[in-house]
């Protein structure tokens, strides 16, 4: 067991005393990608989709693919098995760095990526995730914005962290990231949706937002329930005037949003139906 009861595998080997070099580029420059997911009844949910997205992020950053998806599947399942020896569900984080290199920015000398799988007990979520949370709009300053890697899940999260801190200082639970000209993007760690006249609306992926795994599943659930689902540009006035709003993430599932920038947004039947439909899909 590693710190805080976490189980860690490094480059395919169980590491009871996990250590990564301080010369690793993930530590030095945030030169790495990651995925986060959870288990249900001990099974890592949507693991294949998360690994596929991890590999896409690696390709966008030109990090060599030095392992097979099958090997990573096995490492995740073994880490979860060990972490669940006394029961409970797990949080799983998968990280791939470019590896160890010299103390300069040039990535070419780093030729051996490092992969880390971490499984830890999934902590209880606050009750507000069921009853509804508040968000605050914050200008987006994400590390990969405006680059070829804009849709990747990079580990350099300082922009998202600062956005969260600003939102928290304004009494909100989550930051709602917006562009310089005010277009809505996504939460600092979630996908974002509004409901207007029974239609689910969400910002287009072409804006460089993360292609969320739960977002894609919610689109499928909406189709099963005959709920219209569209991508369209949103601005804060669209949000303030919404009939409902919600966010999604792999860990938190579907969370109602009941306040944005101090403007109240009603709880509603569409969000409730999608959350129930998602949970039924998970149970299947």
Protein backbone atom coordinates (compact mmCIF):
# COMPACT_ATOMS: atom_id res chain seq x y z
CA UNK A 1 0.00 0.00 0.00
CA UNK A 2 1.19 3.49 -0.79
CA UNK A 3 0.39 6.75 1.00
CA UNK A 4 -3.19 7.17 2.24
CA UNK A 5 -3.92 3.52 1.45
CA UNK A 6 -3.48 3.97 -2.30
CA UNK A 7 -2.26 1.10 -4.48
CA UNK A 8 0.26 2.17 -7.11
CA UNK A 9 1.67 0.46 -10.19
CA UNK A 10 4.60 2.08 -12.02
CA UNK A 11 5.46 0.86 -15.50
CA UNK A 12 3.51 -2.33 -14.93
CA UNK A 13 4.97 -3.27 -11.54
CA UNK A 14 3.26 -3.00 -8.17
CA UNK A 15 5.10 -0.32 -6.18
CA UNK A 16 4.37 -0.58 -2.43
CA UNK A 17 6.81 2.29 -1.89
CA UNK A 18 6.12 4.34 -5.04
CA UNK A 19 8.81 6.69 -6.32
CA UNK A 20 9.16 8.70 -9.52
CA UNK A 21 12.33 10.56 -10.49
CA UNK A 22 12.43 14.30 -9.79
CA UNK A 23 13.86 14.56 -13.32
CA UNK A 24 10.67 13.17 -14.80
CA UNK A 25 9.16 15.72 -17.19
CA UNK A 26 5.75 15.21 -15.67
CA UNK A 27 7.14 16.63 -12.42
CA UNK A 28 9.36 19.27 -14.02
CA UNK A 29 7.04 20.61 -16.71
CA UNK A 30 3.62 19.00 -16.32
CA UNK A 31 4.51 17.14 -19.53
CA UNK A 32 2.00 14.34 -19.06
CA UNK A 33 -1.60 13.23 -19.59
CA UNK A 34 -4.04 11.47 -17.30
CA UNK A 35 -7.46 9.86 -16.90
CA UNK A 36 -9.67 9.54 -13.82
CA UNK A 37 -12.48 7.04 -13.36
CA UNK A 38 -14.29 5.05 -10.71
CA UNK A 39 -15.51 1.54 -10.07
CA UNK A 40 -19.03 0.18 -9.66
CA UNK A 41 -19.23 -3.12 -7.77
CA UNK A 42 -15.47 -3.33 -8.17
CA UNK A 43 -15.50 -2.95 -11.98
CA UNK A 44 -13.63 0.04 -13.50
CA UNK A 45 -16.41 1.81 -15.41
CA UNK A 46 -15.88 2.72 -19.09
CA UNK A 47 -12.24 1.64 -18.77
CA UNK A 48 -11.86 0.99 -22.50
CA UNK A 49 -13.14 4.48 -23.36
CA UNK A 50 -10.81 6.10 -20.83
CA UNK A 51 -7.79 4.22 -22.16
CA UNK A 52 -8.69 5.18 -25.73
CA UNK A 53 -8.92 8.84 -24.71
CA UNK A 54 -5.61 8.55 -22.83
CA UNK A 55 -3.96 7.24 -26.00
CA UNK A 56 -5.49 10.09 -28.04
CA UNK A 57 -4.10 12.61 -25.53
CA UNK A 58 -0.68 10.97 -25.79
CA UNK A 59 -0.81 11.23 -29.58
CA UNK A 60 -1.74 14.92 -29.40
CA UNK A 61 1.33 15.54 -27.19
CA UNK A 62 3.52 13.19 -29.29
CA UNK A 63 4.23 10.99 -26.26
CA UNK A 64 5.27 7.57 -27.61
CA UNK A 65 2.84 4.71 -26.99
CA UNK A 66 5.14 2.31 -25.15
CA UNK A 67 2.50 -0.09 -23.79
CA UNK A 68 -0.57 -1.94 -24.99
CA UNK A 69 -4.13 -1.17 -24.01
CA UNK A 70 -4.42 -4.78 -22.83
CA UNK A 71 -1.47 -4.37 -20.46
CA UNK A 72 -2.94 -1.20 -19.00
CA UNK A 73 -6.32 -2.91 -18.57
CA UNK A 74 -4.60 -5.61 -16.52
CA UNK A 75 -2.69 -3.13 -14.36
CA UNK A 76 -5.84 -1.17 -13.55
CA UNK A 77 -7.80 -4.28 -12.63
CA UNK A 78 -5.00 -5.62 -10.45
CA UNK A 79 -4.59 -2.30 -8.65
CA UNK A 80 -8.34 -2.21 -8.00
CA UNK A 81 -8.34 -5.81 -6.79
CA UNK A 82 -5.65 -5.05 -4.19
CA UNK A 83 -7.24 -1.76 -3.13
CA UNK A 84 -10.63 -3.46 -2.61
CA UNK A 85 -9.42 -6.28 -0.40
CA UNK A 86 -11.62 -4.93 2.41
CA UNK A 87 -14.46 -3.84 0.13
CA UNK A 88 -15.72 -0.51 -1.11
CA UNK A 89 -15.43 1.29 -4.44
CA UNK A 90 -12.28 2.85 -5.90
CA UNK A 91 -11.09 6.02 -7.53
CA UNK A 92 -8.61 5.20 -10.31
CA UNK A 93 -6.12 7.60 -11.84
CA UNK A 94 -3.92 6.72 -14.82
CA UNK A 95 -0.98 8.99 -15.70
CA UNK A 96 1.57 8.84 -18.51
CA UNK A 97 4.53 11.21 -18.53
CA UNK A 98 7.08 11.74 -21.28
CA UNK A 99 9.67 10.30 -18.89
CA UNK A 100 13.05 11.40 -17.59
CA UNK A 101 15.03 13.97 -19.54
CA UNK A 102 17.62 16.75 -19.16
CA UNK A 103 16.81 19.99 -17.39
CA UNK A 104 15.63 21.86 -20.46
CA UNK A 105 12.35 22.10 -22.35
CA UNK A 106 13.37 20.17 -25.47
CA UNK A 107 11.34 16.91 -25.25
CA UNK A 108 13.41 14.89 -27.73
CA UNK A 109 15.91 13.37 -25.28
CA UNK A 110 13.08 11.85 -23.22
CA UNK A 111 12.44 8.58 -25.05
CA UNK A 112 10.98 6.30 -22.34
CA UNK A 113 7.51 7.32 -21.08
CA UNK A 114 6.54 6.56 -17.50
CA UNK A 115 3.06 5.26 -16.68
CA UNK A 116 1.45 5.23 -13.27
CA UNK A 117 -1.78 3.56 -12.17
CA UNK A 118 -3.21 4.60 -8.81
CA UNK A 119 -6.25 3.05 -7.10
CA UNK A 120 -7.60 4.45 -3.84
CA UNK A 121 -10.80 4.21 -1.83
CA UNK A 122 -13.55 6.36 -3.32
CA UNK A 123 -14.46 8.93 -0.69
CA UNK A 124 -18.11 9.78 0.06
CA UNK A 125 -19.51 12.66 -1.98
CA UNK A 126 -21.14 15.68 -0.30
CA UNK A 127 -24.97 15.66 -0.19
CA UNK A 128 -25.08 18.80 -2.37
CA UNK A 129 -24.26 16.67 -5.42
CA UNK A 130 -27.78 15.26 -5.12
CA UNK A 131 -29.60 18.51 -4.29
CA UNK A 132 -27.69 20.89 -6.57
CA UNK A 133 -24.51 22.98 -6.66
CA UNK A 134 -23.51 26.53 -7.53
CA UNK A 135 -21.09 27.65 -10.24
CA UNK A 136 -19.29 30.90 -11.05
CA UNK A 137 -18.15 31.97 -14.51
CA UNK A 138 -14.37 32.36 -14.76
CA UNK A 139 -12.20 33.25 -17.77
CA UNK A 140 -10.50 30.12 -19.09
CA UNK A 141 -6.70 29.94 -19.08
CA UNK A 142 -5.97 26.27 -19.74
CA UNK A 143 -2.50 25.01 -20.60
CA UNK A 144 -3.36 23.50 -24.00
CA UNK A 145 -5.75 26.22 -25.22
CA UNK A 146 -4.97 27.41 -28.75
CA UNK A 147 -2.65 24.45 -29.43
CA UNK A 148 -2.98 21.22 -31.38
CA UNK A 149 -3.46 19.46 -28.03
CA UNK A 150 -6.47 21.58 -26.99
CA UNK A 151 -8.80 18.59 -26.60
CA UNK A 152 -6.31 16.47 -24.62
CA UNK A 153 -6.46 15.74 -20.90
CA UNK A 154 -3.10 17.21 -19.90
CA UNK A 155 -1.82 17.14 -16.32
CA UNK A 156 -0.84 20.84 -16.35
CA UNK A 157 -3.98 21.85 -14.47
CA UNK A 158 -2.85 25.10 -12.88
CA UNK A 159 -5.29 27.14 -14.99
CA UNK A 160 -8.18 24.94 -13.87
CA UNK A 161 -6.92 25.09 -10.28
CA UNK A 162 -6.83 28.88 -10.29
CA UNK A 163 -10.31 28.96 -11.82
CA UNK A 164 -11.60 26.74 -9.01
CA UNK A 165 -9.96 28.95 -6.39
CA UNK A 166 -11.61 32.03 -7.90
CA UNK A 167 -14.99 30.29 -7.97
CA UNK A 168 -14.60 29.15 -4.36
CA UNK A 169 -13.70 32.69 -3.29
CA UNK A 170 -17.07 33.72 -4.75
CA UNK A 171 -18.87 30.99 -2.80
CA UNK A 172 -19.32 28.56 -5.68
CA UNK A 173 -18.70 24.81 -5.81
CA UNK A 174 -17.31 24.69 -9.38
CA UNK A 175 -15.94 27.12 -11.95
CA UNK A 176 -17.76 27.50 -15.26
CA UNK A 177 -15.04 28.34 -17.77
CA UNK A 178 -15.78 30.95 -20.44
CA UNK A 179 -13.71 32.32 -23.31
CA UNK A 180 -12.39 35.87 -23.49
CA UNK A 181 -15.48 36.88 -25.47
CA UNK A 182 -17.80 35.20 -22.99
CA UNK A 183 -18.69 31.90 -24.68
CA UNK A 184 -19.35 29.06 -22.25
CA UNK A 185 -16.93 26.11 -22.41
CA UNK A 186 -17.11 23.60 -19.55
CA UNK A 187 -16.63 23.26 -15.82
CA UNK A 188 -13.08 23.29 -14.46
CA UNK A 189 -13.42 19.49 -14.05
CA UNK A 190 -16.73 18.68 -15.71
CA UNK A 191 -18.87 18.94 -18.83
CA UNK A 192 -21.69 21.49 -18.67
CA UNK A 193 -25.27 21.44 -20.00
CA UNK A 194 -28.41 23.55 -19.92
CA UNK A 195 -31.98 22.53 -20.60
CA UNK A 196 -34.25 24.90 -22.52
CA UNK A 197 -37.80 23.93 -23.55
CA UNK A 198 -37.01 20.26 -22.97
CA UNK A 199 -33.84 20.29 -25.12
CA UNK A 200 -30.41 19.54 -23.69
CA UNK A 201 -27.83 22.01 -24.99
CA UNK A 202 -24.08 21.84 -24.51
CA UNK A 203 -21.09 23.70 -26.00
CA UNK A 204 -19.62 22.19 -29.20
CA UNK A 205 -16.55 19.99 -28.90
CA UNK A 206 -15.04 22.05 -31.73
CA UNK A 207 -14.43 24.79 -29.14
CA UNK A 208 -11.58 22.71 -27.71
CA UNK A 209 -13.43 21.29 -24.73
CA UNK A 210 -12.58 17.86 -23.37
CA UNK A 211 -14.62 15.09 -25.06
CA UNK A 212 -16.09 13.81 -21.79
CA UNK A 213 -16.76 10.10 -21.36
CA UNK A 214 -19.83 10.78 -19.22
CA UNK A 215 -20.92 13.50 -21.65
CA UNK A 216 -20.98 10.94 -24.46
CA UNK A 217 -22.96 8.49 -22.34
CA UNK A 218 -25.47 11.20 -21.41
CA UNK A 219 -26.01 11.87 -25.11
CA UNK A 220 -26.80 8.16 -25.55
CA UNK A 221 -29.14 8.16 -22.54
CA UNK A 222 -30.92 11.24 -23.91
CA UNK A 223 -31.50 9.42 -27.21
CA UNK A 224 -32.93 6.42 -25.34
CA UNK A 225 -35.32 8.74 -23.49
CA UNK A 226 -36.25 10.73 -26.63
CA UNK A 227 -34.81 13.91 -25.11
CA UNK A 228 -33.40 16.24 -27.81
CA UNK A 229 -29.65 16.79 -27.42
CA UNK A 230 -27.80 19.47 -29.38
CA UNK A 231 -24.42 21.16 -29.43
CA UNK A 232 -24.63 24.95 -29.71
CA UNK A 233 -22.77 28.04 -28.63
CA UNK A 234 -23.88 29.22 -25.19
CA UNK A 235 -23.23 32.48 -23.42
CA UNK A 236 -23.92 33.39 -19.78
CA UNK A 237 -27.34 34.86 -20.62
CA UNK A 238 -28.33 31.45 -22.05
CA UNK A 239 -27.29 29.91 -18.76
CA UNK A 240 -29.04 32.45 -16.54
CA UNK A 241 -32.28 31.95 -18.48
CA UNK A 242 -32.11 28.14 -18.58
CA UNK A 243 -34.95 25.96 -17.37
CA UNK A 244 -32.39 23.56 -15.86
CA UNK A 245 -28.62 23.08 -15.81
CA UNK A 246 -26.32 20.25 -14.83
CA UNK A 247 -22.73 19.09 -14.98
CA UNK A 248 -21.26 15.64 -15.51
CA UNK A 249 -18.03 13.87 -14.65
CA UNK A 250 -16.89 10.26 -14.42
CA UNK A 251 -16.73 10.36 -10.63
CA UNK A 252 -19.76 12.52 -9.81
CA UNK A 253 -22.10 11.30 -12.57
CA UNK A 254 -24.91 13.87 -13.17
CA UNK A 255 -25.06 16.85 -10.80
CA UNK A 256 -27.84 19.49 -10.90
CA UNK A 257 -26.66 23.11 -11.07
CA UNK A 258 -29.03 25.44 -9.20
CA UNK A 259 -27.08 28.70 -9.18
CA UNK A 260 -24.70 30.39 -11.62
CA UNK A 261 -23.17 33.76 -10.64
CA UNK A 262 -25.89 34.15 -8.04
CA UNK A 263 -28.74 33.58 -10.53
CA UNK A 264 -31.02 30.77 -9.41
CA UNK A 265 -31.78 27.96 -11.86
CA UNK A 266 -34.67 25.58 -11.16
CA UNK A 267 -34.34 21.88 -10.53
CA UNK A 268 -36.21 20.05 -13.23
CA UNK A 269 -37.46 16.76 -14.64
CA UNK A 270 -34.99 16.46 -17.55
CA UNK A 271 -31.93 16.48 -15.30
CA UNK A 272 -33.60 13.99 -12.96
CA UNK A 273 -34.51 11.68 -15.84
CA UNK A 274 -30.99 11.77 -17.30
CA UNK A 275 -29.42 11.08 -13.91
CA UNK A 276 -31.72 8.11 -13.33
CA UNK A 277 -31.14 6.87 -16.88
CA UNK A 278 -27.39 7.14 -16.44
CA UNK A 279 -27.50 5.19 -13.17
CA UNK A 280 -29.62 2.50 -14.76
CA UNK A 281 -27.11 2.24 -17.59
CA UNK A 282 -24.29 1.88 -15.05
CA UNK A 283 -26.22 -0.85 -13.22
CA UNK A 284 -26.54 -2.76 -16.51
